[in-house]
Amino acid sequence: MKVRDSEIYSSERELVRDAQRGDRRAFKRLYDLYRDRVYTLAYYTFGDSLSAEDLLQTVFLKVHRGLGGFRFESSLATWVYRIALNECLNQQRRRGAEYVPLESILGRQEEFDSRPAPDIRHLEHQSREIIREAVMGLPPKLRTVVVMKYVEDFSYQEIADALGCSTGTVASRLNRALARLEQRLGPLRRLL
């Protein structure tokens, strides 16, 4: 009878301690817990899945290397997200202005799919794309708080801890971001 990971690791602290001791299953569990959050941040930062996958690997390599130094001064989620955010910023700086997402050149995979999609699926896809593009159009500081709050469901305090700012700053950035999104998406509200 196979025991589930959630039964083995009763707490985040225990999971981290086991991973720090070299337990591969514990590190795999950490990866499974946070990979979607890291991937989402990378995807919303760069706009293409290949860059997001590359960043995901880089971040978890850094998490693995740095896990021995993790001291529970913040939540593990905040620590991992901070590593991911820093790596996104570093890669953006390295890429500079000449970076163009591969998907913008080749087109989305869906454009090559000749099968007709059901109407509802098509409308949902269109809505998600319109919203994603509007979020991608936000300045990085505003985009980051929107993704962390509404995509990743971080609390104001977790966002503040990850970004190294106050919860008031987080609230202010969210308000500015939502106002900009309202301006861009307001006329489309009836369609969404």
N, C-alpha and C. Protein backbone atom coordinates (compact mmCIF):
# COMPACT_ATOMS: atom_id res chain seq x y z
N MET A 1 0.84 -1.18 0.00
CA MET A 1 0.00 0.00 0.00
C MET A 1 0.89 1.25 0.00
N LYS A 2 0.66 2.11 -0.96
CA LYS A 2 1.47 3.32 -1.10
C LYS A 2 0.91 4.43 -0.22
N VAL A 3 1.80 5.08 0.54
CA VAL A 3 1.40 6.18 1.41
C VAL A 3 1.54 7.48 0.63
N ARG A 4 0.53 8.34 0.72
CA ARG A 4 0.57 9.62 0.01
C ARG A 4 1.54 10.57 0.68
N ASP A 5 2.15 11.47 -0.14
CA ASP A 5 3.08 12.46 0.39
C ASP A 5 2.45 13.32 1.47
N SER A 6 1.17 13.67 1.30
CA SER A 6 0.53 14.54 2.29
C SER A 6 0.44 13.86 3.65
N GLU A 7 0.41 12.52 3.67
CA GLU A 7 0.38 11.80 4.93
C GLU A 7 1.78 11.72 5.55
N ILE A 8 2.80 11.69 4.70
CA ILE A 8 4.18 11.61 5.19
C ILE A 8 4.62 12.94 5.76
N TYR A 9 4.32 14.03 5.07
CA TYR A 9 4.77 15.36 5.48
C TYR A 9 3.62 16.11 6.11
N SER A 10 3.59 16.12 7.42
CA SER A 10 2.47 16.76 8.12
C SER A 10 2.60 18.27 8.16
N SER A 11 3.80 18.79 7.90
CA SER A 11 3.96 20.24 7.92
C SER A 11 4.98 20.67 6.87
N GLU A 12 4.87 21.93 6.49
CA GLU A 12 5.82 22.49 5.53
C GLU A 12 7.24 22.43 6.09
N ARG A 13 7.38 22.69 7.37
CA ARG A 13 8.70 22.68 8.02
C ARG A 13 9.34 21.30 7.92
N GLU A 14 8.55 20.27 8.16
CA GLU A 14 9.04 18.90 8.08
C GLU A 14 9.45 18.56 6.64
N LEU A 15 8.65 19.00 5.70
CA LEU A 15 8.95 18.77 4.29
C LEU A 15 10.27 19.44 3.90
N VAL A 16 10.45 20.68 4.32
CA VAL A 16 11.68 21.41 4.02
C VAL A 16 12.87 20.73 4.68
N ARG A 17 12.73 20.36 5.94
CA ARG A 17 13.84 19.69 6.66
C ARG A 17 14.27 18.42 5.92
N ASP A 18 13.31 17.62 5.49
CA ASP A 18 13.65 16.40 4.76
C ASP A 18 14.33 16.72 3.43
N ALA A 19 13.84 17.73 2.74
CA ALA A 19 14.47 18.13 1.47
C ALA A 19 15.88 18.66 1.73
N GLN A 20 16.08 19.39 2.82
CA GLN A 20 17.41 19.89 3.16
C GLN A 20 18.37 18.74 3.45
N ARG A 21 17.87 17.63 3.94
CA ARG A 21 18.70 16.46 4.22
C ARG A 21 18.96 15.62 2.97
N GLY A 22 18.40 16.05 1.84
CA GLY A 22 18.65 15.34 0.58
C GLY A 22 17.58 14.35 0.17
N ASP A 23 16.45 14.35 0.82
CA ASP A 23 15.35 13.45 0.47
C ASP A 23 14.75 13.92 -0.86
N ARG A 24 14.95 13.12 -1.89
CA ARG A 24 14.48 13.49 -3.24
C ARG A 24 12.96 13.57 -3.31
N ARG A 25 12.30 12.68 -2.61
CA ARG A 25 10.83 12.69 -2.65
C ARG A 25 10.29 13.97 -2.02
N ALA A 26 10.95 14.44 -0.97
CA ALA A 26 10.53 15.69 -0.33
C ALA A 26 10.74 16.86 -1.28
N PHE A 27 11.89 16.89 -1.97
CA PHE A 27 12.12 17.99 -2.91
C PHE A 27 11.13 17.92 -4.07
N LYS A 28 10.82 16.72 -4.54
CA LYS A 28 9.83 16.56 -5.62
C LYS A 28 8.48 17.11 -5.16
N ARG A 29 8.14 16.86 -3.90
CA ARG A 29 6.87 17.38 -3.36
C ARG A 29 6.88 18.91 -3.34
N LEU A 30 8.02 19.50 -2.94
CA LEU A 30 8.15 20.96 -2.97
C LEU A 30 7.98 21.48 -4.39
N TYR A 31 8.62 20.81 -5.32
CA TYR A 31 8.50 21.19 -6.73
C TYR A 31 7.04 21.13 -7.17
N ASP A 32 6.38 20.03 -6.85
CA ASP A 32 4.98 19.87 -7.24
C ASP A 32 4.09 20.94 -6.62
N LEU A 33 4.40 21.35 -5.39
CA LEU A 33 3.59 22.36 -4.71
C LEU A 33 3.71 23.74 -5.35
N TYR A 34 4.90 24.08 -5.87
CA TYR A 34 5.15 25.45 -6.29
C TYR A 34 5.41 25.64 -7.78
N ARG A 35 5.49 24.58 -8.55
CA ARG A 35 5.83 24.74 -9.97
C ARG A 35 4.80 25.56 -10.74
N ASP A 36 3.52 25.36 -10.45
CA ASP A 36 2.49 26.10 -11.19
C ASP A 36 2.57 27.59 -10.91
N ARG A 37 2.84 27.96 -9.67
CA ARG A 37 2.98 29.38 -9.33
C ARG A 37 4.16 30.00 -10.06
N VAL A 38 5.28 29.31 -10.07
CA VAL A 38 6.48 29.83 -10.73
C VAL A 38 6.25 29.92 -12.23
N TYR A 39 5.66 28.88 -12.80
CA TYR A 39 5.39 28.87 -14.24
C TYR A 39 4.46 30.03 -14.62
N THR A 40 3.42 30.24 -13.84
CA THR A 40 2.46 31.31 -14.13
C THR A 40 3.14 32.67 -14.09
N LEU A 41 3.95 32.91 -13.08
CA LEU A 41 4.68 34.18 -13.01
C LEU A 41 5.56 34.36 -14.24
N ALA A 42 6.28 33.31 -14.62
CA ALA A 42 7.17 33.39 -15.79
C ALA A 42 6.37 33.61 -17.07
N TYR A 43 5.26 32.92 -17.19
CA TYR A 43 4.45 33.06 -18.40
C TYR A 43 3.89 34.48 -18.52
N TYR A 44 3.42 35.03 -17.41
CA TYR A 44 2.90 36.40 -17.44
C TYR A 44 4.02 37.43 -17.59
N THR A 45 5.23 37.06 -17.27
CA THR A 45 6.36 37.98 -17.44
C THR A 45 6.84 37.99 -18.88
N PHE A 46 6.98 36.82 -19.49
CA PHE A 46 7.59 36.72 -20.81
C PHE A 46 6.60 36.48 -21.94
N GLY A 47 5.44 35.94 -21.63
CA GLY A 47 4.41 35.78 -22.65
C GLY A 47 4.55 34.57 -23.54
N ASP A 48 5.51 33.68 -23.24
CA ASP A 48 5.59 32.46 -24.04
C ASP A 48 5.99 31.28 -23.17
N SER A 49 5.52 30.11 -23.57
CA SER A 49 5.69 28.92 -22.74
C SER A 49 7.13 28.43 -22.70
N LEU A 50 7.89 28.59 -23.77
CA LEU A 50 9.28 28.13 -23.76
C LEU A 50 10.11 28.90 -22.74
N SER A 51 9.95 30.20 -22.70
CA SER A 51 10.68 31.01 -21.71
C SER A 51 10.22 30.66 -20.30
N ALA A 52 8.93 30.41 -20.14
CA ALA A 52 8.40 30.05 -18.83
C ALA A 52 8.99 28.72 -18.35
N GLU A 53 9.10 27.75 -19.26
CA GLU A 53 9.69 26.45 -18.91
C GLU A 53 11.16 26.60 -18.54
N ASP A 54 11.90 27.40 -19.31
CA ASP A 54 13.31 27.64 -19.00
C ASP A 54 13.47 28.27 -17.62
N LEU A 55 12.65 29.26 -17.35
CA LEU A 55 12.74 29.94 -16.06
C LEU A 55 12.36 28.99 -14.92
N LEU A 56 11.37 28.15 -15.14
CA LEU A 56 10.96 27.18 -14.13
C LEU A 56 12.13 26.30 -13.73
N GLN A 57 12.88 25.80 -14.71
CA GLN A 57 14.04 24.96 -14.41
C GLN A 57 15.10 25.73 -13.65
N THR A 58 15.38 26.94 -14.10
CA THR A 58 16.40 27.76 -13.44
C THR A 58 16.03 28.05 -11.99
N VAL A 59 14.78 28.40 -11.77
CA VAL A 59 14.33 28.73 -10.42
C VAL A 59 14.46 27.52 -9.50
N PHE A 60 14.01 26.36 -9.94
CA PHE A 60 14.07 25.21 -9.04
C PHE A 60 15.49 24.68 -8.85
N LEU A 61 16.37 24.96 -9.78
CA LEU A 61 17.78 24.67 -9.55
C LEU A 61 18.30 25.57 -8.43
N LYS A 62 17.92 26.85 -8.47
CA LYS A 62 18.32 27.80 -7.41
C LYS A 62 17.66 27.44 -6.08
N VAL A 63 16.42 27.01 -6.11
CA VAL A 63 15.75 26.59 -4.88
C VAL A 63 16.50 25.40 -4.28
N HIS A 64 16.85 24.43 -5.12
CA HIS A 64 17.57 23.24 -4.65
C HIS A 64 18.90 23.63 -4.03
N ARG A 65 19.64 24.50 -4.71
CA ARG A 65 20.95 24.93 -4.21
C ARG A 65 20.83 25.76 -2.93
N GLY A 66 19.78 26.56 -2.83
CA GLY A 66 19.64 27.46 -1.69
C GLY A 66 18.83 26.93 -0.53
N LEU A 67 18.24 25.76 -0.70
CA LEU A 67 17.35 25.22 0.32
C LEU A 67 18.05 25.02 1.67
N GLY A 68 19.32 24.68 1.63
CA GLY A 68 20.07 24.50 2.88
C GLY A 68 20.14 25.77 3.71
N GLY A 69 20.04 26.91 3.06
CA GLY A 69 20.10 28.19 3.77
C GLY A 69 18.74 28.74 4.16
N PHE A 70 17.67 28.05 3.80
CA PHE A 70 16.33 28.53 4.15
C PHE A 70 16.11 28.37 5.64
N ARG A 71 15.74 29.46 6.32
CA ARG A 71 15.65 29.47 7.79
C ARG A 71 14.25 29.76 8.32
N PHE A 72 13.22 29.66 7.51
CA PHE A 72 11.84 29.86 7.93
C PHE A 72 11.58 31.27 8.45
N GLU A 73 12.32 32.25 7.93
CA GLU A 73 12.06 33.64 8.30
C GLU A 73 10.85 34.18 7.54
N SER A 74 10.46 33.48 6.49
CA SER A 74 9.25 33.78 5.73
C SER A 74 8.63 32.43 5.39
N SER A 75 7.47 32.46 4.75
CA SER A 75 6.89 31.19 4.32
C SER A 75 7.70 30.66 3.15
N LEU A 76 7.66 29.37 2.96
CA LEU A 76 8.38 28.77 1.84
C LEU A 76 7.85 29.32 0.51
N ALA A 77 6.53 29.51 0.43
CA ALA A 77 5.93 30.04 -0.80
C ALA A 77 6.51 31.42 -1.13
N THR A 78 6.63 32.27 -0.12
CA THR A 78 7.19 33.60 -0.33
C THR A 78 8.63 33.52 -0.79
N TRP A 79 9.41 32.65 -0.17
CA TRP A 79 10.83 32.48 -0.51
C TRP A 79 10.99 32.00 -1.95
N VAL A 80 10.23 30.97 -2.33
CA VAL A 80 10.31 30.44 -3.70
C VAL A 80 9.86 31.51 -4.70
N TYR A 81 8.78 32.20 -4.38
CA TYR A 81 8.27 33.23 -5.29
C TYR A 81 9.26 34.37 -5.44
N ARG A 82 9.97 34.71 -4.37
CA ARG A 82 10.98 35.78 -4.44
C ARG A 82 12.12 35.37 -5.36
N ILE A 83 12.55 34.11 -5.27
CA ILE A 83 13.59 33.61 -6.18
C ILE A 83 13.09 33.70 -7.61
N ALA A 84 11.86 33.29 -7.85
CA ALA A 84 11.29 33.33 -9.20
C ALA A 84 11.19 34.76 -9.71
N LEU A 85 10.73 35.66 -8.87
CA LEU A 85 10.60 37.06 -9.25
C LEU A 85 11.96 37.66 -9.58
N ASN A 86 12.96 37.39 -8.75
CA ASN A 86 14.31 37.89 -9.03
C ASN A 86 14.86 37.34 -10.33
N GLU A 87 14.61 36.07 -10.60
CA GLU A 87 15.10 35.47 -11.84
C GLU A 87 14.39 36.07 -13.05
N CYS A 88 13.08 36.34 -12.93
CA CYS A 88 12.35 37.02 -14.01
C CYS A 88 12.98 38.39 -14.30
N LEU A 89 13.25 39.14 -13.23
CA LEU A 89 13.84 40.47 -13.41
C LEU A 89 15.24 40.38 -14.02
N ASN A 90 16.03 39.41 -13.57
CA ASN A 90 17.38 39.24 -14.13
C ASN A 90 17.32 38.89 -15.62
N GLN A 91 16.42 37.98 -15.98
CA GLN A 91 16.32 37.60 -17.39
C GLN A 91 15.78 38.75 -18.24
N GLN A 92 14.86 39.53 -17.69
CA GLN A 92 14.37 40.70 -18.44
C GLN A 92 15.51 41.67 -18.71
N ARG A 93 16.35 41.90 -17.71
CA ARG A 93 17.50 42.81 -17.89
C ARG A 93 18.46 42.26 -18.93
N ARG A 94 18.73 40.96 -18.87
CA ARG A 94 19.65 40.35 -19.83
C ARG A 94 19.11 40.41 -21.26
N ARG A 95 17.82 40.22 -21.40
CA ARG A 95 17.22 40.20 -22.73
C ARG A 95 17.11 41.59 -23.33
N GLY A 96 16.84 42.55 -22.47
CA GLY A 96 16.74 43.93 -22.94
C GLY A 96 15.58 44.13 -23.89
N ALA A 97 15.66 45.19 -24.64
CA ALA A 97 14.57 45.61 -25.53
C ALA A 97 14.41 44.71 -26.74
N GLU A 98 15.47 43.96 -27.12
CA GLU A 98 15.36 43.18 -28.35
C GLU A 98 14.57 41.89 -28.19
N TYR A 99 14.19 41.53 -26.96
CA TYR A 99 13.46 40.30 -26.73
C TYR A 99 12.06 40.35 -27.34
N VAL A 100 11.75 39.32 -28.13
CA VAL A 100 10.41 39.16 -28.70
C VAL A 100 9.99 37.72 -28.43
N PRO A 101 8.86 37.49 -27.77
CA PRO A 101 8.44 36.12 -27.50
C PRO A 101 8.31 35.30 -28.78
N LEU A 102 8.78 34.07 -28.74
CA LEU A 102 8.72 33.19 -29.90
C LEU A 102 7.29 33.03 -30.41
N GLU A 103 6.34 32.96 -29.51
CA GLU A 103 4.94 32.79 -29.92
C GLU A 103 4.43 33.97 -30.73
N SER A 104 4.98 35.16 -30.52
CA SER A 104 4.53 36.31 -31.29
C SER A 104 5.02 36.24 -32.73
N ILE A 105 6.09 35.50 -32.97
CA ILE A 105 6.62 35.33 -34.33
C ILE A 105 5.93 34.15 -35.01
N LEU A 106 5.86 33.03 -34.31
CA LEU A 106 5.31 31.81 -34.90
C LEU A 106 3.79 31.73 -34.81
N GLY A 107 3.22 32.50 -33.92
CA GLY A 107 1.78 32.41 -33.70
C GLY A 107 1.50 31.37 -32.64
N ARG A 108 0.33 31.40 -32.09
CA ARG A 108 -0.06 30.44 -31.06
C ARG A 108 -0.35 29.10 -31.72
N GLN A 109 -0.16 28.05 -30.97
CA GLN A 109 -0.41 26.71 -31.48
C GLN A 109 -1.85 26.57 -31.96
N GLU A 110 -2.79 27.26 -31.27
CA GLU A 110 -4.19 27.15 -31.66
C GLU A 110 -4.45 27.66 -33.08
N GLU A 111 -3.59 28.59 -33.56
CA GLU A 111 -3.79 29.13 -34.89
C GLU A 111 -3.58 28.08 -35.98
N PHE A 112 -2.82 27.02 -35.65
CA PHE A 112 -2.54 25.97 -36.63
C PHE A 112 -3.51 24.81 -36.52
N ASP A 113 -4.37 24.85 -35.53
CA ASP A 113 -5.33 23.79 -35.31
C ASP A 113 -6.56 24.07 -36.16
N SER A 114 -6.82 23.20 -37.15
CA SER A 114 -7.93 23.45 -38.07
C SER A 114 -9.27 22.94 -37.53
N ARG A 115 -9.26 22.23 -36.41
CA ARG A 115 -10.51 21.72 -35.85
C ARG A 115 -11.34 22.87 -35.27
N PRO A 116 -12.62 22.95 -35.59
CA PRO A 116 -13.45 24.01 -35.00
C PRO A 116 -13.70 23.73 -33.52
N ALA A 117 -13.63 24.76 -32.72
CA ALA A 117 -13.88 24.63 -31.28
C ALA A 117 -15.34 24.96 -31.00
N PRO A 118 -15.92 24.40 -29.97
CA PRO A 118 -17.29 24.76 -29.60
C PRO A 118 -17.35 26.25 -29.26
N ASP A 119 -18.52 26.84 -29.48
CA ASP A 119 -18.70 28.28 -29.27
C ASP A 119 -18.29 28.73 -27.87
N ILE A 120 -18.73 28.02 -26.89
CA ILE A 120 -18.44 28.44 -25.51
C ILE A 120 -16.94 28.37 -25.24
N ARG A 121 -16.32 27.31 -25.67
CA ARG A 121 -14.87 27.19 -25.47
C ARG A 121 -14.14 28.32 -26.17
N HIS A 122 -14.60 28.65 -27.34
CA HIS A 122 -13.97 29.73 -28.10
C HIS A 122 -14.12 31.07 -27.37
N LEU A 123 -15.31 31.36 -26.88
CA LEU A 123 -15.53 32.61 -26.16
C LEU A 123 -14.70 32.67 -24.87
N GLU A 124 -14.62 31.55 -24.17
CA GLU A 124 -13.82 31.51 -22.95
C GLU A 124 -12.34 31.74 -23.27
N HIS A 125 -11.89 31.11 -24.33
CA HIS A 125 -10.49 31.29 -24.75
C HIS A 125 -10.24 32.74 -25.13
N GLN A 126 -11.15 33.32 -25.89
CA GLN A 126 -11.01 34.72 -26.30
C GLN A 126 -10.99 35.64 -25.09
N SER A 127 -11.86 35.40 -24.15
CA SER A 127 -11.91 36.22 -22.94
C SER A 127 -10.61 36.13 -22.16
N ARG A 128 -10.11 34.90 -22.00
CA ARG A 128 -8.85 34.73 -21.28
C ARG A 128 -7.71 35.44 -21.98
N GLU A 129 -7.68 35.37 -23.29
CA GLU A 129 -6.61 36.03 -24.06
C GLU A 129 -6.70 37.55 -23.94
N ILE A 130 -7.91 38.08 -24.00
CA ILE A 130 -8.09 39.53 -23.87
C ILE A 130 -7.61 39.99 -22.49
N ILE A 131 -8.00 39.25 -21.47
CA ILE A 131 -7.59 39.61 -20.11
C ILE A 131 -6.08 39.44 -19.95
N ARG A 132 -5.54 38.33 -20.45
CA ARG A 132 -4.09 38.09 -20.35
C ARG A 132 -3.31 39.19 -21.04
N GLU A 133 -3.74 39.59 -22.23
CA GLU A 133 -3.05 40.66 -22.95
C GLU A 133 -3.15 41.99 -22.21
N ALA A 134 -4.30 42.24 -21.60
CA ALA A 134 -4.44 43.47 -20.82
C ALA A 134 -3.50 43.45 -19.62
N VAL A 135 -3.41 42.31 -18.95
CA VAL A 135 -2.50 42.18 -17.81
C VAL A 135 -1.06 42.31 -18.29
N MET A 136 -0.73 41.70 -19.42
CA MET A 136 0.64 41.78 -19.96
C MET A 136 1.01 43.22 -20.31
N GLY A 137 0.01 44.04 -20.61
CA GLY A 137 0.26 45.44 -20.96
C GLY A 137 0.52 46.34 -19.76
N LEU A 138 0.34 45.81 -18.57
CA LEU A 138 0.61 46.61 -17.36
C LEU A 138 2.11 46.73 -17.13
N PRO A 139 2.54 47.80 -16.49
CA PRO A 139 3.95 47.89 -16.09
C PRO A 139 4.30 46.71 -15.17
N PRO A 140 5.55 46.26 -15.18
CA PRO A 140 5.93 45.07 -14.41
C PRO A 140 5.53 45.09 -12.94
N LYS A 141 5.68 46.20 -12.25
CA LYS A 141 5.33 46.24 -10.82
C LYS A 141 3.83 46.01 -10.60
N LEU A 142 3.02 46.55 -11.50
CA LEU A 142 1.57 46.36 -11.37
C LEU A 142 1.17 44.96 -11.80
N ARG A 143 1.77 44.49 -12.89
CA ARG A 143 1.46 43.15 -13.39
C ARG A 143 1.79 42.10 -12.33
N THR A 144 2.92 42.25 -11.67
CA THR A 144 3.35 41.27 -10.67
C THR A 144 2.33 41.14 -9.54
N VAL A 145 1.84 42.25 -9.02
CA VAL A 145 0.88 42.16 -7.91
C VAL A 145 -0.46 41.58 -8.39
N VAL A 146 -0.86 41.87 -9.61
CA VAL A 146 -2.11 41.30 -10.14
C VAL A 146 -1.98 39.79 -10.26
N VAL A 147 -0.87 39.32 -10.82
CA VAL A 147 -0.68 37.87 -10.97
C VAL A 147 -0.61 37.20 -9.60
N MET A 148 0.15 37.79 -8.69
CA MET A 148 0.28 37.18 -7.36
C MET A 148 -1.07 37.13 -6.63
N LYS A 149 -1.87 38.18 -6.74
CA LYS A 149 -3.14 38.24 -6.01
C LYS A 149 -4.24 37.43 -6.69
N TYR A 150 -4.44 37.64 -7.98
CA TYR A 150 -5.62 37.07 -8.64
C TYR A 150 -5.37 35.77 -9.39
N VAL A 151 -4.13 35.49 -9.74
CA VAL A 151 -3.84 34.22 -10.39
C VAL A 151 -3.32 33.22 -9.37
N GLU A 152 -2.40 33.67 -8.52
CA GLU A 152 -1.78 32.78 -7.54
C GLU A 152 -2.45 32.79 -6.17
N ASP A 153 -3.35 33.73 -5.94
CA ASP A 153 -4.13 33.81 -4.70
C ASP A 153 -3.27 34.03 -3.45
N PHE A 154 -2.22 34.84 -3.60
CA PHE A 154 -1.41 35.23 -2.45
C PHE A 154 -2.18 36.26 -1.64
N SER A 155 -1.94 36.31 -0.34
CA SER A 155 -2.52 37.35 0.51
C SER A 155 -1.72 38.64 0.32
N TYR A 156 -2.27 39.75 0.78
CA TYR A 156 -1.55 41.02 0.71
C TYR A 156 -0.21 40.91 1.44
N GLN A 157 -0.23 40.26 2.61
CA GLN A 157 1.00 40.13 3.41
C GLN A 157 2.04 39.28 2.67
N GLU A 158 1.61 38.19 2.05
CA GLU A 158 2.55 37.33 1.31
C GLU A 158 3.15 38.09 0.13
N ILE A 159 2.34 38.88 -0.55
CA ILE A 159 2.84 39.68 -1.66
C ILE A 159 3.85 40.69 -1.14
N ALA A 160 3.50 41.37 -0.07
CA ALA A 160 4.41 42.37 0.52
C ALA A 160 5.73 41.73 0.93
N ASP A 161 5.67 40.57 1.55
CA ASP A 161 6.90 39.87 1.96
C ASP A 161 7.75 39.50 0.75
N ALA A 162 7.11 38.98 -0.29
CA ALA A 162 7.86 38.56 -1.49
C ALA A 162 8.48 39.75 -2.21
N LEU A 163 7.79 40.87 -2.23
CA LEU A 163 8.28 42.04 -2.96
C LEU A 163 9.13 42.97 -2.10
N GLY A 164 9.13 42.74 -0.81
CA GLY A 164 9.90 43.59 0.08
C GLY A 164 9.31 44.99 0.23
N CYS A 165 7.99 45.06 0.31
CA CYS A 165 7.32 46.35 0.46
C CYS A 165 6.20 46.21 1.49
N SER A 166 5.50 47.28 1.76
CA SER A 166 4.41 47.24 2.74
C SER A 166 3.12 46.74 2.09
N THR A 167 2.18 46.32 2.94
CA THR A 167 0.87 45.91 2.41
C THR A 167 0.14 47.10 1.80
N GLY A 168 0.41 48.30 2.31
CA GLY A 168 -0.18 49.51 1.73
C GLY A 168 0.29 49.73 0.30
N THR A 169 1.58 49.46 0.05
CA THR A 169 2.12 49.57 -1.31
C THR A 169 1.46 48.54 -2.22
N VAL A 170 1.28 47.33 -1.70
CA VAL A 170 0.62 46.28 -2.48
C VAL A 170 -0.80 46.73 -2.84
N ALA A 171 -1.54 47.24 -1.87
CA ALA A 171 -2.91 47.69 -2.11
C ALA A 171 -2.93 48.82 -3.13
N SER A 172 -2.01 49.75 -3.01
CA SER A 172 -1.93 50.87 -3.94
C SER A 172 -1.65 50.39 -5.36
N ARG A 173 -0.70 49.48 -5.49
CA ARG A 173 -0.38 48.93 -6.83
C ARG A 173 -1.56 48.18 -7.41
N LEU A 174 -2.25 47.40 -6.57
CA LEU A 174 -3.42 46.68 -7.05
C LEU A 174 -4.51 47.64 -7.51
N ASN A 175 -4.74 48.69 -6.75
CA ASN A 175 -5.75 49.68 -7.14
C ASN A 175 -5.39 50.34 -8.47
N ARG A 176 -4.12 50.71 -8.64
CA ARG A 176 -3.69 51.32 -9.90
C ARG A 176 -3.82 50.33 -11.05
N ALA A 177 -3.45 49.08 -10.80
CA ALA A 177 -3.54 48.06 -11.85
C ALA A 177 -4.99 47.83 -12.25
N LEU A 178 -5.87 47.71 -11.26
CA LEU A 178 -7.28 47.47 -11.56
C LEU A 178 -7.91 48.64 -12.29
N ALA A 179 -7.50 49.85 -11.95
CA ALA A 179 -8.01 51.04 -12.66
C ALA A 179 -7.59 51.00 -14.12
N ARG A 180 -6.34 50.63 -14.36
CA ARG A 180 -5.86 50.54 -15.75
C ARG A 180 -6.57 49.43 -16.51
N LEU A 181 -6.77 48.30 -15.85
CA LEU A 181 -7.48 47.19 -16.50
C LEU A 181 -8.92 47.57 -16.78
N GLU A 182 -9.55 48.30 -15.87
CA GLU A 182 -10.92 48.77 -16.08
C GLU A 182 -10.99 49.67 -17.31
N GLN A 183 -9.99 50.55 -17.47
CA GLN A 183 -9.95 51.43 -18.64
C GLN A 183 -9.85 50.61 -19.92
N ARG A 184 -8.99 49.61 -19.90
CA ARG A 184 -8.76 48.81 -21.10
C ARG A 184 -9.90 47.84 -21.38
N LEU A 185 -10.45 47.26 -20.33
CA LEU A 185 -11.44 46.20 -20.51
C LEU A 185 -12.88 46.67 -20.33
N GLY A 186 -13.08 47.87 -19.80
CA GLY A 186 -14.42 48.38 -19.54
C GLY A 186 -15.38 48.23 -20.70
N PRO A 187 -15.00 48.69 -21.91
CA PRO A 187 -15.91 48.56 -23.06
C PRO A 187 -16.21 47.11 -23.44
N LEU A 188 -15.34 46.20 -23.05
CA LEU A 188 -15.53 44.79 -23.41
C LEU A 188 -16.29 44.01 -22.35
N ARG A 189 -16.61 44.65 -21.25
CA ARG A 189 -17.22 43.97 -20.11
C ARG A 189 -18.47 43.18 -20.51
N ARG A 190 -19.27 43.74 -21.40
CA ARG A 190 -20.50 43.05 -21.82
C ARG A 190 -20.19 41.75 -22.55
N LEU A 191 -19.06 41.73 -23.27
CA LEU A 191 -18.69 40.53 -24.01
C LEU A 191 -18.07 39.46 -23.11
N LEU A 192 -17.41 39.90 -22.05
CA LEU A 192 -16.73 38.96 -21.16
C LEU A 192 -17.72 38.43 -20.15
